[in-house]
Amino acid sequence: MEKEVHEQYEYARNRIRQKKRLYYHFVFFTLGSIFLFTSVYFFETAIALNWCIWFIIIWLFIFVLHFIKVFITDRFMNKYWEREQIDRLVSLQQKKIAQLQSKIEENNSK
């Protein structure tokens, strides 16, 4: 029982760490985008507007991928999902092995 509690604690800690990193990523993305826009429009740096927009779009795409990983992929395909899939595949293999053994026994008895 203690092992289960420890695994649940570790899972919760990892999920909180993932969410925390995602929130930091969002804040950094927002502040970085604001800085890029202000540097282009107000300070008239040598950075071209198109380059700034493309950089923000690519960064937004990376943020969306990070969001999908944290809130969709890792939520449904975690350790528990892996265990269920492994158990299911092992049981299917055991059924096939049992069927093959019964066929072998039938052939040997003939």
C-alpha atoms as a PDB file:
ATOM      1  CA  MET A   1       0.000   0.000   0.000  1.00  0.00           C
ATOM      2  CA  GLU A   2       2.798   2.407   0.802  1.00  0.00           C
ATOM      3  CA  LYS A   3       4.280   1.875  -2.655  1.00  0.00           C
ATOM      4  CA  GLU A   4       0.995   2.929  -4.267  1.00  0.00           C
ATOM      5  CA  VAL A   5       0.799   6.053  -2.141  1.00  0.00           C
ATOM      6  CA  HIS A   6       4.382   6.913  -3.043  1.00  0.00           C
ATOM      7  CA  GLU A   7       3.683   6.381  -6.768  1.00  0.00           C
ATOM      8  CA  GLN A   8       0.605   8.596  -6.560  1.00  0.00           C
ATOM      9  CA  TYR A   9       2.623  11.267  -4.793  1.00  0.00           C
ATOM     10  CA  GLU A  10       5.381  11.101  -7.424  1.00  0.00           C
ATOM     11  CA  TYR A  11       2.819  11.264 -10.227  1.00  0.00           C
ATOM     12  CA  ALA A  12       1.139  14.307  -8.642  1.00  0.00           C
ATOM     13  CA  ARG A  13       4.509  15.987  -8.113  1.00  0.00           C
ATOM     14  CA  ASN A  14       5.499  15.405 -11.741  1.00  0.00           C
ATOM     15  CA  ARG A  15       2.163  16.745 -12.998  1.00  0.00           C
ATOM     16  CA  ILE A  16       2.543  19.883 -10.885  1.00  0.00           C
ATOM     17  CA  ARG A  17       6.081  20.350 -12.201  1.00  0.00           C
ATOM     18  CA  GLN A  18       4.835  19.998 -15.798  1.00  0.00           C
ATOM     19  CA  LYS A  19       2.044  22.520 -15.249  1.00  0.00           C
ATOM     20  CA  LYS A  20       4.400  24.925 -13.514  1.00  0.00           C
ATOM     21  CA  ARG A  21       6.812  24.794 -16.456  1.00  0.00           C
ATOM     22  CA  LEU A  22       3.921  25.353 -18.860  1.00  0.00           C
ATOM     23  CA  TYR A  23       2.816  28.444 -16.941  1.00  0.00           C
ATOM     24  CA  TYR A  24       6.380  29.766 -16.933  1.00  0.00           C
ATOM     25  CA  HIS A  25       6.532  29.108 -20.669  1.00  0.00           C
ATOM     26  CA  PHE A  26       3.302  31.071 -21.155  1.00  0.00           C
ATOM     27  CA  VAL A  27       4.508  34.041 -19.101  1.00  0.00           C
ATOM     28  CA  PHE A  28       7.873  34.047 -20.866  1.00  0.00           C
ATOM     29  CA  PHE A  29       6.131  33.806 -24.258  1.00  0.00           C
ATOM     30  CA  THR A  30       3.819  36.703 -23.415  1.00  0.00           C
ATOM     31  CA  LEU A  31       6.579  38.942 -22.103  1.00  0.00           C
ATOM     32  CA  GLY A  32       8.878  38.036 -24.988  1.00  0.00           C
ATOM     33  CA  SER A  33       6.186  38.801 -27.559  1.00  0.00           C
ATOM     34  CA  ILE A  34       5.416  42.139 -25.945  1.00  0.00           C
ATOM     35  CA  PHE A  35       9.119  42.987 -25.875  1.00  0.00           C
ATOM     36  CA  LEU A  36       9.537  42.087 -29.559  1.00  0.00           C
ATOM     37  CA  PHE A  37       6.552  44.178 -30.619  1.00  0.00           C
ATOM     38  CA  THR A  38       7.610  47.161 -28.535  1.00  0.00           C
ATOM     39  CA  SER A  39      11.174  46.957 -29.780  1.00  0.00           C
ATOM     40  CA  VAL A  40      10.005  46.935 -33.397  1.00  0.00           C
ATOM     41  CA  TYR A  41       7.323  49.618 -33.162  1.00  0.00           C
ATOM     42  CA  PHE A  42       8.604  52.027 -30.527  1.00  0.00           C
ATOM     43  CA  PHE A  43      12.348  51.722 -30.619  1.00  0.00           C
ATOM     44  CA  GLU A  44      12.605  51.127 -34.377  1.00  0.00           C
ATOM     45  CA  THR A  45      15.293  48.491 -34.156  1.00  0.00           C
ATOM     46  CA  ALA A  46      16.788  46.848 -37.182  1.00  0.00           C
ATOM     47  CA  ILE A  47      14.542  43.816 -36.667  1.00  0.00           C
ATOM     48  CA  ALA A  48      12.132  43.553 -39.565  1.00  0.00           C
ATOM     49  CA  LEU A  49       8.438  43.248 -38.708  1.00  0.00           C
ATOM     50  CA  ASN A  50       8.020  40.040 -40.698  1.00  0.00           C
ATOM     51  CA  TRP A  51      10.830  38.375 -38.824  1.00  0.00           C
ATOM     52  CA  CYS A  52       9.250  39.383 -35.505  1.00  0.00           C
ATOM     53  CA  ILE A  53       5.835  38.014 -36.471  1.00  0.00           C
ATOM     54  CA  TRP A  54       7.276  34.744 -37.781  1.00  0.00           C
ATOM     55  CA  PHE A  55       9.309  34.314 -34.620  1.00  0.00           C
ATOM     56  CA  ILE A  56       6.207  34.802 -32.456  1.00  0.00           C
ATOM     57  CA  ILE A  57       4.135  32.423 -34.595  1.00  0.00           C
ATOM     58  CA  ILE A  58       6.783  29.707 -34.336  1.00  0.00           C
ATOM     59  CA  TRP A  59       7.067  30.309 -30.600  1.00  0.00           C
ATOM     60  CA  LEU A  60       3.268  30.114 -30.280  1.00  0.00           C
ATOM     61  CA  PHE A  61       3.290  26.794 -32.159  1.00  0.00           C
ATOM     62  CA  ILE A  62       5.897  25.432 -29.743  1.00  0.00           C
ATOM     63  CA  PHE A  63       3.798  26.652 -26.813  1.00  0.00           C
ATOM     64  CA  VAL A  64       0.701  24.920 -28.229  1.00  0.00           C
ATOM     65  CA  LEU A  65       2.681  21.682 -28.558  1.00  0.00           C
ATOM     66  CA  HIS A  66       3.821  22.064 -24.950  1.00  0.00           C
ATOM     67  CA  PHE A  67       0.205  22.666 -23.873  1.00  0.00           C
ATOM     68  CA  ILE A  68      -0.990  19.563 -25.744  1.00  0.00           C
ATOM     69  CA  LYS A  69       1.733  17.467 -24.151  1.00  0.00           C
ATOM     70  CA  VAL A  70       0.907  18.606 -20.611  1.00  0.00           C
ATOM     71  CA  PHE A  71      -2.891  18.689 -20.682  1.00  0.00           C
ATOM     72  CA  ILE A  72      -3.804  16.081 -23.291  1.00  0.00           C
ATOM     73  CA  THR A  73      -1.076  13.552 -23.954  1.00  0.00           C
ATOM     74  CA  ASP A  74       0.328  13.139 -20.454  1.00  0.00           C
ATOM     75  CA  ARG A  75      -3.092  13.201 -18.852  1.00  0.00           C
ATOM     76  CA  PHE A  76      -4.348  10.180 -20.794  1.00  0.00           C
ATOM     77  CA  MET A  77      -1.141   8.363 -21.693  1.00  0.00           C
ATOM     78  CA  ASN A  78       0.580   8.245 -18.336  1.00  0.00           C
ATOM     79  CA  LYS A  79       2.063   5.392 -16.283  1.00  0.00           C
ATOM     80  CA  TYR A  80      -1.337   3.940 -15.517  1.00  0.00           C
ATOM     81  CA  TRP A  81      -2.272   3.869 -19.182  1.00  0.00           C
ATOM     82  CA  GLU A  82       1.049   2.197 -19.985  1.00  0.00           C
ATOM     83  CA  ARG A  83       0.461  -0.433 -17.309  1.00  0.00           C
ATOM     84  CA  GLU A  84      -3.031  -1.172 -18.612  1.00  0.00           C
ATOM     85  CA  GLN A  85      -1.727  -1.553 -22.153  1.00  0.00           C
ATOM     86  CA  ILE A  86       1.130  -3.796 -21.034  1.00  0.00           C
ATOM     87  CA  ASP A  87      -1.237  -5.954 -18.957  1.00  0.00           C
ATOM     88  CA  ARG A  88      -3.638  -6.229 -21.884  1.00  0.00           C
ATOM     89  CA  LEU A  89      -0.872  -7.230 -24.303  1.00  0.00           C
ATOM     90  CA  VAL A  90       0.585  -9.742 -21.839  1.00  0.00           C
ATOM     91  CA  SER A  91      -2.829 -11.344 -21.352  1.00  0.00           C
ATOM     92  CA  LEU A  92      -3.292 -11.562 -25.130  1.00  0.00           C
ATOM     93  CA  GLN A  93       0.117 -13.210 -25.473  1.00  0.00           C
ATOM     94  CA  GLN A  94      -0.692 -15.661 -22.695  1.00  0.00           C
ATOM     95  CA  LYS A  95      -3.966 -16.588 -24.416  1.00  0.00           C
ATOM     96  CA  LYS A  96      -2.116 -17.190 -27.688  1.00  0.00           C
ATOM     97  CA  ILE A  97       0.508 -19.281 -25.925  1.00  0.00           C
ATOM     98  CA  ALA A  98      -2.236 -21.317 -24.227  1.00  0.00           C
ATOM     99  CA  GLN A  99      -3.935 -21.866 -27.599  1.00  0.00           C
ATOM    100  CA  LEU A 100      -0.664 -22.958 -29.189  1.00  0.00           C
ATOM    101  CA  GLN A 101       0.060 -25.313 -26.301  1.00  0.00           C
ATOM    102  CA  SER A 102      -3.392 -26.876 -26.601  1.00  0.00           C
ATOM    103  CA  LYS A 103      -2.865 -27.354 -30.349  1.00  0.00           C
ATOM    104  CA  ILE A 104       0.522 -28.946 -29.715  1.00  0.00           C
ATOM    105  CA  GLU A 105      -0.994 -31.278 -27.112  1.00  0.00           C
ATOM    106  CA  GLU A 106      -3.774 -32.235 -29.552  1.00  0.00           C
ATOM    107  CA  ASN A 107      -1.227 -32.982 -32.273  1.00  0.00           C
ATOM    108  CA  ASN A 108       0.910 -35.041 -29.879  1.00  0.00           C
ATOM    109  CA  SER A 109      -2.052 -37.041 -28.655  1.00  0.00           C
ATOM    110  CA  LYS A 110      -3.003 -38.075 -32.214  1.00  0.00           C
END
